[in-house]
C-alpha atoms as a PDB file:
ATOM      1  CA  MET A   1      43.138  57.594  39.328  1.00  0.00           C
ATOM      2  CA  ARG A   2      44.151  60.678  37.383  1.00  0.00           C
ATOM      3  CA  SER A   3      41.558  59.971  34.678  1.00  0.00           C
ATOM      4  CA  LYS A   4      38.746  59.617  37.230  1.00  0.00           C
ATOM      5  CA  SER A   5      39.612  62.935  38.846  1.00  0.00           C
ATOM      6  CA  LEU A   6      39.749  64.566  35.406  1.00  0.00           C
ATOM      7  CA  ILE A   7      36.253  63.292  34.581  1.00  0.00           C
ATOM      8  CA  ILE A   8      34.904  64.389  37.962  1.00  0.00           C
ATOM      9  CA  LEU A   9      36.483  67.838  37.591  1.00  0.00           C
ATOM     10  CA  SER A  10      35.022  68.147  34.093  1.00  0.00           C
ATOM     11  CA  ILE A  11      31.528  67.209  35.288  1.00  0.00           C
ATOM     12  CA  VAL A  12      31.779  69.593  38.261  1.00  0.00           C
ATOM     13  CA  LEU A  13      32.889  72.473  36.021  1.00  0.00           C
ATOM     14  CA  MET A  14      30.082  71.855  33.524  1.00  0.00           C
ATOM     15  CA  SER A  15      27.568  71.650  36.394  1.00  0.00           C
ATOM     16  CA  ILE A  16      28.829  74.946  37.823  1.00  0.00           C
ATOM     17  CA  GLY A  17      28.515  76.467  34.354  1.00  0.00           C
ATOM     18  CA  PHE A  18      24.929  75.222  34.096  1.00  0.00           C
ATOM     19  CA  VAL A  19      24.045  76.659  37.525  1.00  0.00           C
ATOM     20  CA  LEU A  20      25.625  80.010  36.630  1.00  0.00           C
ATOM     21  CA  VAL A  21      23.777  80.274  33.311  1.00  0.00           C
ATOM     22  CA  THR A  22      20.520  79.366  35.056  1.00  0.00           C
ATOM     23  CA  LEU A  23      21.087  82.099  37.653  1.00  0.00           C
ATOM     24  CA  SER A  24      21.950  84.607  34.932  1.00  0.00           C
ATOM     25  CA  ASN A  25      18.479  84.116  33.432  1.00  0.00           C
ATOM     26  CA  VAL A  26      16.574  84.907  36.637  1.00  0.00           C
ATOM     27  CA  ALA A  27      14.349  87.903  35.910  1.00  0.00           C
ATOM     28  CA  TYR A  28      12.572  90.286  38.258  1.00  0.00           C
ATOM     29  CA  MET A  29       9.469  92.221  37.285  1.00  0.00           C
ATOM     30  CA  GLU A  30       8.744  95.537  38.946  1.00  0.00           C
ATOM     31  CA  LYS A  31       5.500  97.415  38.413  1.00  0.00           C
ATOM     32  CA  THR A  32       6.374 100.958  37.356  1.00  0.00           C
ATOM     33  CA  ARG A  33       2.997 102.462  36.599  1.00  0.00           C
ATOM     34  CA  SER A  34      -0.673 101.842  35.954  1.00  0.00           C
ATOM     35  CA  GLY A  35      -3.229 103.601  33.858  1.00  0.00           C
ATOM     36  CA  VAL A  36      -6.652 103.636  32.312  1.00  0.00           C
ATOM     37  CA  LEU A  37      -7.256 104.306  28.640  1.00  0.00           C
ATOM     38  CA  ILE A  38     -10.685 105.016  27.184  1.00  0.00           C
ATOM     39  CA  VAL A  39     -10.872 103.665  23.627  1.00  0.00           C
ATOM     40  CA  GLU A  40     -13.655 104.799  21.301  1.00  0.00           C
ATOM     41  CA  VAL A  41     -14.221 101.968  18.814  1.00  0.00           C
ATOM     42  CA  PRO A  42     -16.137 103.008  15.677  1.00  0.00           C
ATOM     43  CA  PRO A  43     -17.724 100.430  13.357  1.00  0.00           C
ATOM     44  CA  GLY A  44     -15.146  98.677  11.175  1.00  0.00           C
ATOM     45  CA  THR A  45     -11.400  98.866  11.737  1.00  0.00           C
ATOM     46  CA  SER A  46      -9.571 101.709  13.458  1.00  0.00           C
ATOM     47  CA  VAL A  47      -5.993 102.318  14.575  1.00  0.00           C
ATOM     48  CA  LYS A  48      -4.888 104.325  17.601  1.00  0.00           C
ATOM     49  CA  ARG A  49      -1.373 105.071  18.857  1.00  0.00           C
ATOM     50  CA  PHE A  50      -0.551 103.539  22.260  1.00  0.00           C
ATOM     51  CA  SER A  51       3.191 103.801  22.850  1.00  0.00           C
ATOM     52  CA  VAL A  52       4.337 102.301  26.154  1.00  0.00           C
ATOM     53  CA  ALA A  53       7.824 100.980  26.929  1.00  0.00           C
ATOM     54  CA  GLY A  54       8.098  97.811  28.989  1.00  0.00           C
ATOM     55  CA  LEU A  55       6.085  94.681  29.568  1.00  0.00           C
ATOM     56  CA  VAL A  56       2.438  95.733  29.622  1.00  0.00           C
ATOM     57  CA  GLU A  57      -0.410  93.770  31.194  1.00  0.00           C
ATOM     58  CA  ILE A  58      -3.660  94.826  29.536  1.00  0.00           C
ATOM     59  CA  ARG A  59      -7.108  94.135  30.980  1.00  0.00           C
ATOM     60  CA  ALA A  60     -10.391  95.135  29.407  1.00  0.00           C
ATOM     61  CA  GLU A  61     -13.999  94.078  29.363  1.00  0.00           C
ATOM     62  CA  VAL A  62     -14.777  94.179  25.676  1.00  0.00           C
ATOM     63  CA  PRO A  63     -18.375  93.935  24.448  1.00  0.00           C
ATOM     64  CA  ARG A  64     -19.369  91.174  22.049  1.00  0.00           C
ATOM     65  CA  GLY A  65     -18.386  91.899  18.449  1.00  0.00           C
ATOM     66  CA  VAL A  66     -15.345  94.038  19.362  1.00  0.00           C
ATOM     67  CA  THR A  67     -11.725  92.874  19.225  1.00  0.00           C
ATOM     68  CA  LEU A  68      -8.674  94.866  20.357  1.00  0.00           C
ATOM     69  CA  TYR A  69      -5.177  94.075  19.099  1.00  0.00           C
ATOM     70  CA  PHE A  70      -2.169  95.649  20.827  1.00  0.00           C
ATOM     71  CA  LEU A  71       0.666  95.652  18.304  1.00  0.00           C
ATOM     72  CA  THR A  72       4.389  96.271  18.550  1.00  0.00           C
ATOM     73  CA  GLU A  73       6.088  98.362  15.872  1.00  0.00           C
ATOM     74  CA  VAL A  74       7.080  95.273  13.863  1.00  0.00           C
ATOM     75  CA  GLN A  75       3.619  93.712  14.142  1.00  0.00           C
ATOM     76  CA  TYR A  76       2.082  96.989  12.981  1.00  0.00           C
ATOM     77  CA  LEU A  77       4.363  97.117   9.928  1.00  0.00           C
ATOM     78  CA  ILE A  78       3.376  93.532   9.070  1.00  0.00           C
ATOM     79  CA  TYR A  79      -0.277  94.467   9.507  1.00  0.00           C
ATOM     80  CA  MET A  80       0.077  97.493   7.219  1.00  0.00           C
ATOM     81  CA  ARG A  81       1.979  95.540   4.560  1.00  0.00           C
ATOM     82  CA  GLU A  82       0.221  92.158   4.620  1.00  0.00           C
ATOM     83  CA  GLY A  83      -2.940  92.687   6.662  1.00  0.00           C
ATOM     84  CA  LYS A  84      -1.965  89.956   9.157  1.00  0.00           C
ATOM     85  CA  LEU A  85      -2.858  90.410  12.812  1.00  0.00           C
ATOM     86  CA  PRO A  86      -1.345  88.423  15.706  1.00  0.00           C
ATOM     87  CA  LYS A  87      -3.238  85.587  17.355  1.00  0.00           C
ATOM     88  CA  THR A  88      -3.230  87.360  20.725  1.00  0.00           C
ATOM     89  CA  TYR A  89      -5.930  89.923  21.320  1.00  0.00           C
ATOM     90  CA  VAL A  90      -8.497  91.186  23.815  1.00  0.00           C
ATOM     91  CA  THR A  91     -12.066  90.085  23.183  1.00  0.00           C
ATOM     92  CA  THR A  92     -15.111  88.959  25.146  1.00  0.00           C
ATOM     93  CA  GLU A  93     -13.532  85.562  25.894  1.00  0.00           C
ATOM     94  CA  GLU A  94      -9.955  86.755  26.524  1.00  0.00           C
ATOM     95  CA  SER A  95      -9.823  89.790  28.796  1.00  0.00           C
ATOM     96  CA  THR A  96      -6.104  89.862  29.752  1.00  0.00           C
ATOM     97  CA  LEU A  97      -3.104  90.229  27.464  1.00  0.00           C
ATOM     98  CA  TYR A  98       0.656  90.720  27.940  1.00  0.00           C
ATOM     99  CA  VAL A  99       2.585  92.684  25.304  1.00  0.00           C
ATOM    100  CA  GLN A 100       6.214  93.846  25.247  1.00  0.00           C
ATOM    101  CA  ASN A 101       6.472  97.495  24.093  1.00  0.00           C
ATOM    102  CA  PRO A 102       3.067  98.002  22.443  1.00  0.00           C
ATOM    103  CA  GLU A 103       2.884 100.864  19.930  1.00  0.00           C
ATOM    104  CA  TYR A 104      -0.586 100.673  18.359  1.00  0.00           C
ATOM    105  CA  ILE A 105      -4.116  99.517  19.091  1.00  0.00           C
ATOM    106  CA  VAL A 106      -6.044  98.045  16.186  1.00  0.00           C
ATOM    107  CA  ALA A 107      -9.746  97.885  17.039  1.00  0.00           C
ATOM    108  CA  ILE A 108     -12.145  95.842  14.951  1.00  0.00           C
ATOM    109  CA  SER A 109     -15.857  96.280  15.591  1.00  0.00           C
ATOM    110  CA  GLU A 110     -18.734  94.392  14.005  1.00  0.00           C
ATOM    111  CA  ARG A 111     -21.227  96.636  15.777  1.00  0.00           C
ATOM    112  CA  SER A 112     -23.160  99.406  14.062  1.00  0.00           C
ATOM    113  CA  LYS A 113     -22.507 102.081  16.711  1.00  0.00           C
ATOM    114  CA  VAL A 114     -19.447 103.558  18.396  1.00  0.00           C
ATOM    115  CA  VAL A 115     -18.485 101.522  21.457  1.00  0.00           C
ATOM    116  CA  THR A 116     -16.475 102.827  24.417  1.00  0.00           C
ATOM    117  CA  VAL A 117     -14.036 100.379  25.998  1.00  0.00           C
ATOM    118  CA  GLU A 118     -12.150 101.036  29.226  1.00  0.00           C
ATOM    119  CA  VAL A 119      -8.674  99.512  29.046  1.00  0.00           C
ATOM    120  CA  ARG A 120      -6.668  99.158  32.254  1.00  0.00           C
ATOM    121  CA  TYR A 121      -2.957  98.563  31.959  1.00  0.00           C
ATOM    122  CA  ASP A 122       0.028  97.963  34.219  1.00  0.00           C
ATOM    123  CA  VAL A 123       3.576  98.562  33.008  1.00  0.00           C
ATOM    124  CA  TYR A 124       6.400  96.396  34.338  1.00  0.00           C
ATOM    125  CA  THR A 125      10.145  96.667  33.904  1.00  0.00           C
ATOM    126  CA  VAL A 126      11.943  93.366  33.625  1.00  0.00           C
ATOM    127  CA  THR A 127      15.501  93.236  34.943  1.00  0.00           C
ATOM    128  CA  LYS A 128      18.042  90.454  35.074  1.00  0.00           C
ATOM    129  CA  PRO A 129      20.355  91.422  37.942  1.00  0.00           C
ATOM    130  CA  TYR A 130      22.574  88.357  37.563  1.00  0.00           C
ATOM    131  CA  ALA A 131      23.002  88.557  33.784  1.00  0.00           C
ATOM    132  CA  LEU A 132      26.775  88.997  34.037  1.00  0.00           C
ATOM    133  CA  LEU A 133      27.063  85.487  35.489  1.00  0.00           C
ATOM    134  CA  ALA A 134      26.676  84.230  31.923  1.00  0.00           C
ATOM    135  CA  ILE A 135      30.271  85.282  31.187  1.00  0.00           C
ATOM    136  CA  PRO A 136      31.989  83.093  33.816  1.00  0.00           C
ATOM    137  CA  SER A 137      29.456  80.368  33.011  1.00  0.00           C
ATOM    138  CA  TYR A 138      30.697  80.322  29.436  1.00  0.00           C
ATOM    139  CA  VAL A 139      34.345  80.154  30.513  1.00  0.00           C
ATOM    140  CA  VAL A 140      33.771  77.421  33.116  1.00  0.00           C
ATOM    141  CA  THR A 141      31.717  75.317  30.692  1.00  0.00           C
ATOM    142  CA  ILE A 142      34.337  75.622  27.941  1.00  0.00           C
ATOM    143  CA  VAL A 143      37.076  74.530  30.365  1.00  0.00           C
ATOM    144  CA  GLY A 144      34.936  71.571  31.494  1.00  0.00           C
ATOM    145  CA  VAL A 145      34.258  70.483  27.916  1.00  0.00           C
ATOM    146  CA  TRP A 146      37.935  70.918  27.031  1.00  0.00           C
ATOM    147  CA  LEU A 147      38.991  68.697  29.960  1.00  0.00           C
ATOM    148  CA  LEU A 148      36.462  66.046  28.957  1.00  0.00           C
ATOM    149  CA  ALA A 149      37.612  66.163  25.318  1.00  0.00           C
ATOM    150  CA  ARG A 150      41.241  65.938  26.441  1.00  0.00           C
ATOM    151  CA  TRP A 151      40.435  62.877  28.558  1.00  0.00           C
ATOM    152  CA  LEU A 152      38.620  61.234  25.631  1.00  0.00           C
ATOM    153  CA  MET A 153      41.511  61.917  23.246  1.00  0.00           C
ATOM    154  CA  THR A 154      44.175  60.556  25.602  1.00  0.00           C
ATOM    155  CA  ARG A 155      42.023  57.494  26.277  1.00  0.00           C
ATOM    156  CA  GLN A 156      41.600  56.858  22.553  1.00  0.00           C
ATOM    157  CA  TRP A 157      45.345  57.164  21.941  1.00  0.00           C
ATOM    158  CA  ARG A 158      46.080  54.666  24.718  1.00  0.00           C
ATOM    159  CA  VAL A 159      43.702  52.105  23.175  1.00  0.00           C
ATOM    160  CA  GLU A 160      45.415  52.303  19.771  1.00  0.00           C
END
């Protein structure tokens, strides 16, 4: 009887730990501001600073032949060093993009004239109000695993 209750207690503790860690990862997004940015895109490649903190939703109607990349600081350094751009961008087909902490806009135009693009953006802050539940989750899960391991060890010793 004691071994069954030990297994049940172990499973209950690990389940509570799983529920707590799941709750600790619940995130809330709150819209903090909106804006409109007019981007002048000359022929070829151009770079413009666009420093916004938070999760940014970017919407733009880009004419054919123009591509806008919104890069973070790290992505920009990779672009400057290796010339690699991310696979997420705003173009005629894709008009919405989400970027965390964008720093730069890289505009590539195949057109022969300067093109004006109106970029609308919304900035969101992401908070995890229950993040501290991860600490008791860790403790409860470790205790549950320890009880299960203890039960397995005592069972193995009884068999031998």
